[in-house]
Amino acid sequence: MNVDLAMTALDGIARSPITIAAQANEIVISGSPASLKELARLCLLVAADADDGDYFELQRNTHLTGASPALRVKVSA
């Protein structure tokens, strides 16, 4: 994964944190268009040079709103 691009994406999400909520049988991820684009960029970066076990994690009160659970997106073969 290109660490510089990943850090840029994480900085973008930190400026406008994402909210994650569990509702009935679904997980809802919401945020500004810019933050969701940065989340998509992180997913593409981690999948581009996929090694089993590569991941990124978004932290509460930094990348996510305070009530949101942490989010880990992991590559698995």
Protein backbone atom coordinates (compact mmCIF):
# COMPACT_ATOMS: atom_id res chain seq x y z
CA MET A 1 0.00 0.00 0.00
CA ASN A 2 1.22 3.51 -0.77
CA VAL A 3 1.64 4.85 2.74
CA ASP A 4 1.80 8.51 1.68
CA LEU A 5 -1.52 8.28 -0.18
CA ALA A 6 -3.08 6.39 2.72
CA MET A 7 -1.96 9.06 5.20
CA THR A 8 -3.42 11.77 2.96
CA ALA A 9 -6.74 9.91 2.85
CA LEU A 10 -6.75 9.44 6.64
CA ASP A 11 -6.04 13.16 7.11
CA GLY A 12 -9.00 13.96 4.85
CA ILE A 13 -11.32 11.76 6.89
CA ALA A 14 -10.05 13.31 10.13
CA ARG A 15 -11.20 16.73 8.88
CA SER A 16 -14.75 15.43 8.44
CA PRO A 17 -15.27 12.23 10.47
CA ILE A 18 -17.51 9.40 9.29
CA THR A 19 -20.37 7.94 11.34
CA ILE A 20 -20.94 4.18 11.59
CA ALA A 21 -24.14 2.78 13.07
CA ALA A 22 -25.65 -0.69 13.43
CA GLN A 23 -29.35 -0.63 12.63
CA ALA A 24 -31.39 -3.86 12.67
CA ASN A 25 -29.65 -6.12 10.13
CA GLU A 26 -27.41 -3.54 8.52
CA ILE A 27 -24.37 -1.37 9.09
CA VAL A 28 -24.76 2.23 7.93
CA ILE A 29 -21.68 4.30 7.05
CA SER A 30 -22.42 7.98 6.51
CA GLY A 31 -20.37 11.10 6.03
CA SER A 32 -19.61 13.99 3.76
CA PRO A 33 -18.98 13.26 0.08
CA ALA A 34 -15.30 14.11 0.58
CA SER A 35 -14.89 11.71 3.51
CA LEU A 36 -16.63 8.87 1.70
CA LYS A 37 -14.35 9.43 -1.30
CA GLU A 38 -11.33 9.19 1.00
CA LEU A 39 -12.74 5.97 2.51
CA ALA A 40 -13.12 4.54 -1.00
CA ARG A 41 -9.54 5.60 -1.78
CA LEU A 42 -8.29 3.74 1.28
CA CYS A 43 -10.17 0.61 0.21
CA LEU A 44 -8.60 0.82 -3.25
CA LEU A 45 -5.13 1.37 -1.80
CA VAL A 46 -5.31 -1.59 0.56
CA ALA A 47 -6.68 -3.86 -2.19
CA ALA A 48 -4.25 -2.73 -4.92
CA ASP A 49 -1.18 -4.47 -3.53
CA ALA A 50 -3.17 -6.95 -1.48
CA ASP A 51 -1.19 -9.14 0.86
CA ASP A 52 -3.30 -11.34 3.08
CA GLY A 53 -3.79 -9.47 6.33
CA ASP A 54 -3.23 -5.91 5.05
CA TYR A 55 -5.69 -3.53 6.66
CA PHE A 56 -6.47 -0.01 7.74
CA GLU A 57 -8.38 1.01 10.82
CA LEU A 58 -10.39 4.14 11.50
CA GLN A 59 -10.40 5.34 15.10
CA ARG A 60 -13.24 6.88 17.12
CA ASN A 61 -12.89 10.60 17.83
CA THR A 62 -10.31 10.93 15.04
CA HIS A 63 -11.72 9.45 11.82
CA LEU A 64 -15.12 8.47 13.22
CA THR A 65 -17.67 10.27 15.34
CA GLY A 66 -17.50 9.49 19.06
CA ALA A 67 -20.46 7.11 19.15
CA SER A 68 -19.21 5.03 16.22
CA PRO A 69 -17.42 1.72 16.73
CA ALA A 70 -13.91 1.41 15.31
CA LEU A 71 -13.76 0.25 11.69
CA ARG A 72 -11.14 -2.16 10.36
CA VAL A 73 -11.06 -3.00 6.65
CA LYS A 74 -8.88 -6.06 6.06
CA VAL A 75 -7.73 -7.93 2.96
CA SER A 76 -8.27 -11.67 3.15
CA ALA A 77 -7.65 -14.23 0.45
